[in-house]
PDB file of all heavy atoms in Angstrom:
ATOM      1  N   PRO A   1      -6.261   6.082   7.108  1.00  0.00           N
ATOM      2  CA  PRO A   1      -5.151   7.049   7.074  1.00  0.00           C
ATOM      3  C   PRO A   1      -5.342   8.051   5.931  1.00  0.00           C
ATOM      4  O   PRO A   1      -5.657   7.666   4.804  1.00  0.00           O
ATOM      5  CB  PRO A   1      -3.917   6.172   6.825  1.00  0.00           C
ATOM      6  CG  PRO A   1      -4.317   4.800   7.269  1.00  0.00           C
ATOM      7  CD  PRO A   1      -5.792   4.702   7.003  1.00  0.00           C
ATOM      8  N   VAL A   2      -5.158   9.330   6.220  1.00  0.00           N
ATOM      9  CA  VAL A   2      -5.355  10.358   5.195  1.00  0.00           C
ATOM     10  C   VAL A   2      -4.336  10.240   4.071  1.00  0.00           C
ATOM     11  O   VAL A   2      -4.593  10.683   2.954  1.00  0.00           O
ATOM     12  CB  VAL A   2      -5.336  11.790   5.784  1.00  0.00           C
ATOM     13  CG1 VAL A   2      -6.495  11.998   6.729  1.00  0.00           C
ATOM     14  CG2 VAL A   2      -4.023  12.080   6.478  1.00  0.00           C
ATOM     15  N   ASP A   3      -3.200   9.636   4.359  1.00  0.00           N
ATOM     16  CA  ASP A   3      -2.157   9.507   3.348  1.00  0.00           C
ATOM     17  C   ASP A   3      -2.057   8.088   2.788  1.00  0.00           C
ATOM     18  O   ASP A   3      -1.034   7.701   2.238  1.00  0.00           O
ATOM     19  CB  ASP A   3      -0.805   9.930   3.914  1.00  0.00           C
ATOM     20  CG  ASP A   3      -0.332   9.055   5.073  1.00  0.00           C
ATOM     21  OD1 ASP A   3      -1.158   8.291   5.630  1.00  0.00           O
ATOM     22  OD2 ASP A   3       0.862   9.133   5.420  1.00  0.00           O
ATOM     23  N   ILE A   4      -3.141   7.329   2.881  1.00  0.00           N
ATOM     24  CA  ILE A   4      -3.108   5.936   2.419  1.00  0.00           C
ATOM     25  C   ILE A   4      -2.769   5.879   0.930  1.00  0.00           C
ATOM     26  O   ILE A   4      -3.220   6.705   0.144  1.00  0.00           O
ATOM     27  CB  ILE A   4      -4.430   5.202   2.727  1.00  0.00           C
ATOM     28  CG1 ILE A   4      -4.235   3.690   2.604  1.00  0.00           C
ATOM     29  CG2 ILE A   4      -5.568   5.709   1.866  1.00  0.00           C
ATOM     30  CD1 ILE A   4      -5.353   2.875   3.232  1.00  0.00           C
ATOM     31  N   THR A   5      -1.919   4.942   0.591  1.00  0.00           N
ATOM     32  CA  THR A   5      -1.536   4.739  -0.804  1.00  0.00           C
ATOM     33  C   THR A   5      -1.947   3.326  -1.218  1.00  0.00           C
ATOM     34  O   THR A   5      -2.292   2.497  -0.372  1.00  0.00           O
ATOM     35  CB  THR A   5      -0.007   4.918  -0.984  1.00  0.00           C
ATOM     36  OG1 THR A   5       0.671   4.020  -0.120  1.00  0.00           O
ATOM     37  CG2 THR A   5       0.425   6.343  -0.705  1.00  0.00           C
ATOM     38  N   PRO A   6      -1.923   3.034  -2.509  1.00  0.00           N
ATOM     39  CA  PRO A   6      -2.384   1.725  -2.975  1.00  0.00           C
ATOM     40  C   PRO A   6      -1.712   0.538  -2.300  1.00  0.00           C
ATOM     41  O   PRO A   6      -2.347  -0.486  -2.090  1.00  0.00           O
ATOM     42  CB  PRO A   6      -2.070   1.750  -4.472  1.00  0.00           C
ATOM     43  CG  PRO A   6      -2.112   3.184  -4.839  1.00  0.00           C
ATOM     44  CD  PRO A   6      -1.576   3.917  -3.639  1.00  0.00           C
ATOM     45  N   VAL A   7      -0.451   0.683  -1.927  1.00  0.00           N
ATOM     46  CA  VAL A   7       0.243  -0.441  -1.301  1.00  0.00           C
ATOM     47  C   VAL A   7      -0.420  -0.838   0.021  1.00  0.00           C
ATOM     48  O   VAL A   7      -0.321  -1.977   0.458  1.00  0.00           O
ATOM     49  CB  VAL A   7       1.751  -0.134  -1.102  1.00  0.00           C
ATOM     50  CG1 VAL A   7       1.958   0.890  -0.005  1.00  0.00           C
ATOM     51  CG2 VAL A   7       2.547  -1.389  -0.841  1.00  0.00           C
ATOM     52  N   ASN A   8      -1.136   0.091   0.646  1.00  0.00           N
ATOM     53  CA  ASN A   8      -1.755  -0.180   1.934  1.00  0.00           C
ATOM     54  C   ASN A   8      -3.272  -0.319   1.889  1.00  0.00           C
ATOM     55  O   ASN A   8      -3.882  -0.670   2.898  1.00  0.00           O
ATOM     56  CB  ASN A   8      -1.367   0.913   2.930  1.00  0.00           C
ATOM     57  CG  ASN A   8       0.067   0.770   3.365  1.00  0.00           C
ATOM     58  OD1 ASN A   8       0.513  -0.323   3.699  1.00  0.00           O
ATOM     59  ND2 ASN A   8       0.806   1.863   3.356  1.00  0.00           N
ATOM     60  N   THR A   9      -3.887  -0.075   0.768  1.00  0.00           N
ATOM     61  CA  THR A   9      -5.343  -0.125   0.682  1.00  0.00           C
ATOM     62  C   THR A   9      -5.892  -1.479   1.125  1.00  0.00           C
ATOM     63  O   THR A   9      -6.753  -1.560   2.005  1.00  0.00           O
ATOM     64  CB  THR A   9      -5.820   0.199  -0.752  1.00  0.00           C
ATOM     65  OG1 THR A   9      -5.432   1.542  -1.056  1.00  0.00           O
ATOM     66  CG2 THR A   9      -7.316   0.056  -0.888  1.00  0.00           C
ATOM     67  N   PHE A  10      -5.411  -2.539   0.532  1.00  0.00           N
ATOM     68  CA  PHE A  10      -5.947  -3.858   0.864  1.00  0.00           C
ATOM     69  C   PHE A  10      -5.472  -4.333   2.234  1.00  0.00           C
ATOM     70  O   PHE A  10      -6.198  -5.032   2.933  1.00  0.00           O
ATOM     71  CB  PHE A  10      -5.626  -4.870  -0.234  1.00  0.00           C
ATOM     72  CG  PHE A  10      -6.451  -4.626  -1.460  1.00  0.00           C
ATOM     73  CD1 PHE A  10      -5.956  -3.856  -2.504  1.00  0.00           C
ATOM     74  CD2 PHE A  10      -7.741  -5.132  -1.565  1.00  0.00           C
ATOM     75  CE1 PHE A  10      -6.732  -3.605  -3.625  1.00  0.00           C
ATOM     76  CE2 PHE A  10      -8.519  -4.889  -2.682  1.00  0.00           C
ATOM     77  CZ  PHE A  10      -8.011  -4.118  -3.718  1.00  0.00           C
ATOM     78  N   ARG A  11      -4.273  -3.932   2.645  1.00  0.00           N
ATOM     79  CA  ARG A  11      -3.810  -4.264   3.988  1.00  0.00           C
ATOM     80  C   ARG A  11      -4.763  -3.657   5.022  1.00  0.00           C
ATOM     81  O   ARG A  11      -5.154  -4.329   5.982  1.00  0.00           O
ATOM     82  CB  ARG A  11      -2.386  -3.740   4.218  1.00  0.00           C
ATOM     83  CG  ARG A  11      -1.340  -4.524   3.479  1.00  0.00           C
ATOM     84  CD  ARG A  11       0.045  -3.871   3.605  1.00  0.00           C
ATOM     85  NE  ARG A  11       1.035  -4.785   3.108  1.00  0.00           N
ATOM     86  CZ  ARG A  11       1.709  -5.660   3.838  1.00  0.00           C
ATOM     87  NH1 ARG A  11       1.523  -5.713   5.133  1.00  0.00           N
ATOM     88  NH2 ARG A  11       2.575  -6.473   3.284  1.00  0.00           N
ATOM     89  N   PHE A  12      -5.125  -2.396   4.826  1.00  0.00           N
ATOM     90  CA  PHE A  12      -6.043  -1.734   5.748  1.00  0.00           C
ATOM     91  C   PHE A  12      -7.392  -2.467   5.778  1.00  0.00           C
ATOM     92  O   PHE A  12      -7.931  -2.766   6.842  1.00  0.00           O
ATOM     93  CB  PHE A  12      -6.246  -0.267   5.346  1.00  0.00           C
ATOM     94  CG  PHE A  12      -7.241   0.447   6.204  1.00  0.00           C
ATOM     95  CD1 PHE A  12      -6.881   0.941   7.444  1.00  0.00           C
ATOM     96  CD2 PHE A  12      -8.558   0.602   5.787  1.00  0.00           C
ATOM     97  CE1 PHE A  12      -7.811   1.578   8.262  1.00  0.00           C
ATOM     98  CE2 PHE A  12      -9.492   1.235   6.584  1.00  0.00           C
ATOM     99  CZ  PHE A  12      -9.116   1.726   7.826  1.00  0.00           C
ATOM    100  N   ILE A  13      -7.919  -2.772   4.607  1.00  0.00           N
ATOM    101  CA  ILE A  13      -9.230  -3.438   4.524  1.00  0.00           C
ATOM    102  C   ILE A  13      -9.171  -4.835   5.136  1.00  0.00           C
ATOM    103  O   ILE A  13     -10.065  -5.226   5.895  1.00  0.00           O
ATOM    104  CB  ILE A  13      -9.729  -3.463   3.068  1.00  0.00           C
ATOM    105  CG1 ILE A  13     -10.058  -2.026   2.634  1.00  0.00           C
ATOM    106  CG2 ILE A  13     -10.926  -4.386   2.903  1.00  0.00           C
ATOM    107  CD1 ILE A  13     -10.320  -1.855   1.161  1.00  0.00           C
ATOM    108  N   PHE A  14      -8.130  -5.601   4.847  1.00  0.00           N
ATOM    109  CA  PHE A  14      -8.002  -6.938   5.431  1.00  0.00           C
ATOM    110  C   PHE A  14      -7.884  -6.866   6.953  1.00  0.00           C
ATOM    111  O   PHE A  14      -8.428  -7.701   7.670  1.00  0.00           O
ATOM    112  CB  PHE A  14      -6.805  -7.684   4.845  1.00  0.00           C
ATOM    113  CG  PHE A  14      -6.944  -8.038   3.395  1.00  0.00           C
ATOM    114  CD1 PHE A  14      -5.829  -8.393   2.656  1.00  0.00           C
ATOM    115  CD2 PHE A  14      -8.175  -8.029   2.751  1.00  0.00           C
ATOM    116  CE1 PHE A  14      -5.940  -8.735   1.305  1.00  0.00           C
ATOM    117  CE2 PHE A  14      -8.299  -8.369   1.419  1.00  0.00           C
ATOM    118  CZ  PHE A  14      -7.181  -8.715   0.691  1.00  0.00           C
ATOM    119  N   ASN A  15      -7.187  -5.850   7.447  1.00  0.00           N
ATOM    120  CA  ASN A  15      -7.074  -5.679   8.898  1.00  0.00           C
ATOM    121  C   ASN A  15      -8.429  -5.355   9.521  1.00  0.00           C
ATOM    122  O   ASN A  15      -8.780  -5.895  10.570  1.00  0.00           O
ATOM    123  CB  ASN A  15      -6.073  -4.576   9.242  1.00  0.00           C
ATOM    124  CG  ASN A  15      -4.642  -4.979   8.972  1.00  0.00           C
ATOM    125  OD1 ASN A  15      -4.330  -6.155   8.804  1.00  0.00           O
ATOM    126  ND2 ASN A  15      -3.766  -4.000   8.920  1.00  0.00           N
ATOM    127  N   GLU A  16      -9.188  -4.492   8.877  1.00  0.00           N
ATOM    128  CA  GLU A  16     -10.474  -4.051   9.424  1.00  0.00           C
ATOM    129  C   GLU A  16     -11.536  -5.148   9.404  1.00  0.00           C
ATOM    130  O   GLU A  16     -12.300  -5.281  10.342  1.00  0.00           O
ATOM    131  CB  GLU A  16     -10.991  -2.826   8.668  1.00  0.00           C
ATOM    132  CG  GLU A  16     -10.222  -1.564   8.950  1.00  0.00           C
ATOM    133  CD  GLU A  16     -10.270  -1.178  10.417  1.00  0.00           C
ATOM    134  OE1 GLU A  16     -11.382  -1.097  10.984  1.00  0.00           O
ATOM    135  OE2 GLU A  16      -9.190  -0.952  10.996  1.00  0.00           O
ATOM    136  N   TYR A  17     -11.600  -5.893   8.327  1.00  0.00           N
ATOM    137  CA  TYR A  17     -12.683  -6.860   8.167  1.00  0.00           C
ATOM    138  C   TYR A  17     -12.301  -8.295   8.528  1.00  0.00           C
ATOM    139  O   TYR A  17     -13.166  -9.093   8.865  1.00  0.00           O
ATOM    140  CB  TYR A  17     -13.217  -6.833   6.732  1.00  0.00           C
ATOM    141  CG  TYR A  17     -14.016  -5.584   6.434  1.00  0.00           C
ATOM    142  CD1 TYR A  17     -13.427  -4.516   5.783  1.00  0.00           C
ATOM    143  CD2 TYR A  17     -15.352  -5.478   6.817  1.00  0.00           C
ATOM    144  CE1 TYR A  17     -14.153  -3.363   5.513  1.00  0.00           C
ATOM    145  CE2 TYR A  17     -16.081  -4.341   6.553  1.00  0.00           C
ATOM    146  CZ  TYR A  17     -15.478  -3.282   5.897  1.00  0.00           C
ATOM    147  OH  TYR A  17     -16.197  -2.144   5.637  1.00  0.00           O
ATOM    148  N   PHE A  18     -11.030  -8.635   8.406  1.00  0.00           N
ATOM    149  CA  PHE A  18     -10.626 -10.030   8.590  1.00  0.00           C
ATOM    150  C   PHE A  18      -9.582 -10.215   9.683  1.00  0.00           C
ATOM    151  O   PHE A  18      -8.973 -11.279   9.788  1.00  0.00           O
ATOM    152  CB  PHE A  18     -10.095 -10.598   7.261  1.00  0.00           C
ATOM    153  CG  PHE A  18     -11.057 -10.412   6.122  1.00  0.00           C
ATOM    154  CD1 PHE A  18     -10.769  -9.542   5.084  1.00  0.00           C
ATOM    155  CD2 PHE A  18     -12.272 -11.086   6.096  1.00  0.00           C
ATOM    156  CE1 PHE A  18     -11.652  -9.360   4.036  1.00  0.00           C
ATOM    157  CE2 PHE A  18     -13.166 -10.912   5.052  1.00  0.00           C
ATOM    158  CZ  PHE A  18     -12.859 -10.046   4.027  1.00  0.00           C
ATOM    159  N   ASP A  19      -9.362  -9.174  10.490  1.00  0.00           N
ATOM    160  CA  ASP A  19      -8.378  -9.229  11.578  1.00  0.00           C
ATOM    161  C   ASP A  19      -7.033  -9.778  11.107  1.00  0.00           C
ATOM    162  O   ASP A  19      -6.407 -10.590  11.783  1.00  0.00           O
ATOM    163  CB  ASP A  19      -8.912 -10.064  12.750  1.00  0.00           C
ATOM    164  CG  ASP A  19     -10.151  -9.451  13.375  1.00  0.00           C
ATOM    165  OD1 ASP A  19     -10.194  -8.215  13.493  1.00  0.00           O
ATOM    166  OD2 ASP A  19     -11.074 -10.213  13.716  1.00  0.00           O
ATOM    167  N   ALA A  20      -6.584  -9.329   9.954  1.00  0.00           N
ATOM    168  CA  ALA A  20      -5.355  -9.860   9.354  1.00  0.00           C
ATOM    169  C   ALA A  20      -4.092  -9.420  10.081  1.00  0.00           C
ATOM    170  O   ALA A  20      -3.069 -10.084  10.001  1.00  0.00           O
ATOM    171  CB  ALA A  20      -5.269  -9.454   7.884  1.00  0.00           C
ATOM    172  N   ASN A  21      -4.133  -8.284  10.769  1.00  0.00           N
ATOM    173  CA  ASN A  21      -2.990  -7.789  11.514  1.00  0.00           C
ATOM    174  C   ASN A  21      -1.758  -7.592  10.619  1.00  0.00           C
ATOM    175  O   ASN A  21      -0.634  -7.933  10.995  1.00  0.00           O
ATOM    176  CB  ASN A  21      -2.665  -8.713  12.692  1.00  0.00           C
ATOM    177  CG  ASN A  21      -1.858  -7.998  13.757  1.00  0.00           C
ATOM    178  OD1 ASN A  21      -1.949  -6.789  13.899  1.00  0.00           O
ATOM    179  ND2 ASN A  21      -1.061  -8.752  14.497  1.00  0.00           N
ATOM    180  N   LEU A  22      -1.990  -7.064   9.419  1.00  0.00           N
ATOM    181  CA  LEU A  22      -0.894  -6.776   8.493  1.00  0.00           C
ATOM    182  C   LEU A  22      -0.353  -5.377   8.790  1.00  0.00           C
ATOM    183  O   LEU A  22      -1.129  -4.423   8.854  1.00  0.00           O
ATOM    184  CB  LEU A  22      -1.384  -6.829   7.046  1.00  0.00           C
ATOM    185  CG  LEU A  22      -1.931  -8.162   6.562  1.00  0.00           C
ATOM    186  CD1 LEU A  22      -2.633  -7.992   5.224  1.00  0.00           C
ATOM    187  CD2 LEU A  22      -0.805  -9.172   6.464  1.00  0.00           C
ATOM    188  N   PRO A  23       0.952  -5.233   8.952  1.00  0.00           N
ATOM    189  CA  PRO A  23       1.482  -3.887   9.180  1.00  0.00           C
ATOM    190  C   PRO A  23       1.345  -3.055   7.905  1.00  0.00           C
ATOM    191  O   PRO A  23       1.501  -3.575   6.798  1.00  0.00           O
ATOM    192  CB  PRO A  23       2.948  -4.128   9.527  1.00  0.00           C
ATOM    193  CG  PRO A  23       3.275  -5.450   8.920  1.00  0.00           C
ATOM    194  CD  PRO A  23       1.998  -6.250   8.929  1.00  0.00           C
ATOM    195  N   LEU A  24       1.024  -1.778   8.068  1.00  0.00           N
ATOM    196  CA  LEU A  24       0.993  -0.894   6.910  1.00  0.00           C
ATOM    197  C   LEU A  24       2.427  -0.609   6.496  1.00  0.00           C
ATOM    198  O   LEU A  24       3.316  -0.437   7.335  1.00  0.00           O
ATOM    199  CB  LEU A  24       0.249   0.401   7.237  1.00  0.00           C
ATOM    200  CG  LEU A  24      -1.230   0.250   7.568  1.00  0.00           C
ATOM    201  CD1 LEU A  24      -1.878   1.623   7.753  1.00  0.00           C
ATOM    202  CD2 LEU A  24      -1.977  -0.554   6.514  1.00  0.00           C
ATOM    203  N   LEU A  25       2.658  -0.612   5.201  1.00  0.00           N
ATOM    204  CA  LEU A  25       3.994  -0.396   4.657  1.00  0.00           C
ATOM    205  C   LEU A  25       4.266   1.100   4.508  1.00  0.00           C
ATOM    206  O   LEU A  25       3.349   1.920   4.470  1.00  0.00           O
ATOM    207  CB  LEU A  25       4.123  -1.096   3.305  1.00  0.00           C
ATOM    208  CG  LEU A  25       3.874  -2.606   3.323  1.00  0.00           C
ATOM    209  CD1 LEU A  25       3.893  -3.159   1.913  1.00  0.00           C
ATOM    210  CD2 LEU A  25       4.890  -3.309   4.207  1.00  0.00           C
ATOM    211  N   GLU A  26       5.527   1.430   4.394  1.00  0.00           N
ATOM    212  CA  GLU A  26       5.911   2.818   4.173  1.00  0.00           C
ATOM    213  C   GLU A  26       5.377   3.264   2.813  1.00  0.00           C
ATOM    214  O   GLU A  26       5.462   2.526   1.828  1.00  0.00           O
ATOM    215  CB  GLU A  26       7.433   2.932   4.211  1.00  0.00           C
ATOM    216  CG  GLU A  26       7.943   4.334   4.104  1.00  0.00           C
ATOM    217  CD  GLU A  26       9.455   4.417   4.182  1.00  0.00           C
ATOM    218  OE1 GLU A  26      10.136   3.369   4.222  1.00  0.00           O
ATOM    219  OE2 GLU A  26       9.964   5.545   4.190  1.00  0.00           O
ATOM    220  N   ASN A  27       4.830   4.468   2.762  1.00  0.00           N
ATOM    221  CA  ASN A  27       4.317   5.020   1.513  1.00  0.00           C
ATOM    222  C   ASN A  27       5.490   5.527   0.679  1.00  0.00           C
ATOM    223  O   ASN A  27       6.080   6.552   0.986  1.00  0.00           O
ATOM    224  CB  ASN A  27       3.338   6.165   1.789  1.00  0.00           C
ATOM    225  CG  ASN A  27       2.065   5.692   2.421  1.00  0.00           C
ATOM    226  OD1 ASN A  27       1.494   4.689   1.993  1.00  0.00           O
ATOM    227  ND2 ASN A  27       1.592   6.382   3.438  1.00  0.00           N
ATOM    228  N   ARG A  28       5.831   4.803  -0.369  1.00  0.00           N
ATOM    229  CA  ARG A  28       6.919   5.174  -1.270  1.00  0.00           C
ATOM    230  C   ARG A  28       6.380   5.134  -2.701  1.00  0.00           C
ATOM    231  O   ARG A  28       5.504   4.340  -3.015  1.00  0.00           O
ATOM    232  CB  ARG A  28       8.109   4.209  -1.177  1.00  0.00           C
ATOM    233  CG  ARG A  28       8.667   3.939   0.210  1.00  0.00           C
ATOM    234  CD  ARG A  28       9.347   5.084   0.884  1.00  0.00           C
ATOM    235  NE  ARG A  28      10.447   5.645   0.125  1.00  0.00           N
ATOM    236  CZ  ARG A  28      10.989   6.816   0.452  1.00  0.00           C
ATOM    237  NH1 ARG A  28      10.556   7.494   1.473  1.00  0.00           N
ATOM    238  NH2 ARG A  28      11.962   7.300  -0.264  1.00  0.00           N
ATOM    239  N   SER A  29       6.929   5.965  -3.570  1.00  0.00           N
ATOM    240  CA  SER A  29       6.525   5.996  -4.976  1.00  0.00           C
ATOM    241  C   SER A  29       7.759   5.823  -5.854  1.00  0.00           C
ATOM    242  O   SER A  29       8.806   6.423  -5.593  1.00  0.00           O
ATOM    243  CB  SER A  29       5.842   7.324  -5.308  1.00  0.00           C
ATOM    244  OG  SER A  29       4.659   7.461  -4.563  1.00  0.00           O
ATOM    245  N   PHE A  30       7.598   5.020  -6.901  1.00  0.00           N
ATOM    246  CA  PHE A  30       8.697   4.738  -7.816  1.00  0.00           C
ATOM    247  C   PHE A  30       8.239   4.955  -9.249  1.00  0.00           C
ATOM    248  O   PHE A  30       7.074   4.750  -9.579  1.00  0.00           O
ATOM    249  CB  PHE A  30       9.187   3.294  -7.646  1.00  0.00           C
ATOM    250  CG  PHE A  30       9.748   3.032  -6.277  1.00  0.00           C
ATOM    251  CD1 PHE A  30       8.924   2.621  -5.239  1.00  0.00           C
ATOM    252  CD2 PHE A  30      11.095   3.210  -6.034  1.00  0.00           C
ATOM    253  CE1 PHE A  30       9.433   2.393  -3.977  1.00  0.00           C
ATOM    254  CE2 PHE A  30      11.626   2.981  -4.770  1.00  0.00           C
ATOM    255  CZ  PHE A  30      10.786   2.576  -3.734  1.00  0.00           C
ATOM    256  N   ALA A  31       9.174   5.341 -10.116  1.00  0.00           N
ATOM    257  CA  ALA A  31       8.867   5.564 -11.530  1.00  0.00           C
ATOM    258  C   ALA A  31      10.012   5.012 -12.371  1.00  0.00           C
ATOM    259  O   ALA A  31      11.133   4.829 -11.895  1.00  0.00           O
ATOM    260  CB  ALA A  31       8.669   7.052 -11.809  1.00  0.00           C
ATOM    261  N   SER A  32       9.683   4.766 -13.635  1.00  0.00           N
ATOM    262  CA  SER A  32      10.711   4.343 -14.590  1.00  0.00           C
ATOM    263  C   SER A  32      10.360   4.927 -15.947  1.00  0.00           C
ATOM    264  O   SER A  32       9.226   5.328 -16.191  1.00  0.00           O
ATOM    265  CB  SER A  32      10.789   2.814 -14.669  1.00  0.00           C
ATOM    266  OG  SER A  32       9.596   2.290 -15.202  1.00  0.00           O
ATOM    267  N   SER A  33      11.343   4.962 -16.823  1.00  0.00           N
ATOM    268  CA  SER A  33      11.094   5.463 -18.179  1.00  0.00           C
ATOM    269  C   SER A  33      10.652   4.303 -19.065  1.00  0.00           C
ATOM    270  O   SER A  33      10.776   3.135 -18.697  1.00  0.00           O
ATOM    271  CB  SER A  33      12.360   6.100 -18.745  1.00  0.00           C
ATOM    272  OG  SER A  33      13.309   5.098 -19.049  1.00  0.00           O
ATOM    273  N   TYR A  34      10.161   4.653 -20.232  1.00  0.00           N
ATOM    274  CA  TYR A  34       9.767   3.609 -21.174  1.00  0.00           C
ATOM    275  C   TYR A  34      10.991   2.928 -21.787  1.00  0.00           C
ATOM    276  O   TYR A  34      10.915   1.795 -22.237  1.00  0.00           O
ATOM    277  CB  TYR A  34       8.869   4.187 -22.274  1.00  0.00           C
ATOM    278  CG  TYR A  34       7.478   4.440 -21.784  1.00  0.00           C
ATOM    279  CD1 TYR A  34       7.065   5.711 -21.416  1.00  0.00           C
ATOM    280  CD2 TYR A  34       6.566   3.396 -21.656  1.00  0.00           C
ATOM    281  CE1 TYR A  34       5.784   5.932 -20.939  1.00  0.00           C
ATOM    282  CE2 TYR A  34       5.287   3.611 -21.178  1.00  0.00           C
ATOM    283  CZ  TYR A  34       4.900   4.883 -20.830  1.00  0.00           C
ATOM    284  OH  TYR A  34       3.635   5.097 -20.355  1.00  0.00           O
ATOM    285  N   ILE A  35      12.117   3.601 -21.770  1.00  0.00           N
ATOM    286  CA  ILE A  35      13.336   3.035 -22.325  1.00  0.00           C
ATOM    287  C   ILE A  35      13.923   1.991 -21.378  1.00  0.00           C
ATOM    288  O   ILE A  35      14.428   0.963 -21.814  1.00  0.00           O
ATOM    289  CB  ILE A  35      14.372   4.151 -22.610  1.00  0.00           C
ATOM    290  CG1 ILE A  35      13.840   5.064 -23.706  1.00  0.00           C
ATOM    291  CG2 ILE A  35      15.725   3.574 -22.987  1.00  0.00           C
ATOM    292  CD1 ILE A  35      14.675   6.292 -23.931  1.00  0.00           C
ATOM    293  N   THR A  36      13.860   2.261 -20.073  1.00  0.00           N
ATOM    294  CA  THR A  36      14.376   1.327 -19.063  1.00  0.00           C
ATOM    295  C   THR A  36      13.250   1.022 -18.064  1.00  0.00           C
ATOM    296  O   THR A  36      13.275   1.501 -16.935  1.00  0.00           O
ATOM    297  CB  THR A  36      15.595   1.922 -18.339  1.00  0.00           C
ATOM    298  OG1 THR A  36      15.238   3.194 -17.792  1.00  0.00           O
ATOM    299  CG2 THR A  36      16.780   2.067 -19.276  1.00  0.00           C
ATOM    300  N   PRO A  37      12.261   0.225 -18.478  1.00  0.00           N
ATOM    301  CA  PRO A  37      11.062   0.026 -17.654  1.00  0.00           C
ATOM    302  C   PRO A  37      11.301  -0.672 -16.317  1.00  0.00           C
ATOM    303  O   PRO A  37      10.468  -0.560 -15.422  1.00  0.00           O
ATOM    304  CB  PRO A  37      10.155  -0.810 -18.549  1.00  0.00           C
ATOM    305  CG  PRO A  37      11.051  -1.469 -19.527  1.00  0.00           C
ATOM    306  CD  PRO A  37      12.206  -0.529 -19.725  1.00  0.00           C
TER     307      PRO A  37
END
């Protein structure tokens, strides 16, 4: 997938090489400050 994110990298690889049949998760990004990590 052109928009693959880290959450799906290993899922994609496990599906391709080990027939894991893991669904790809929604690509979401989260952040926090150093004060409230």
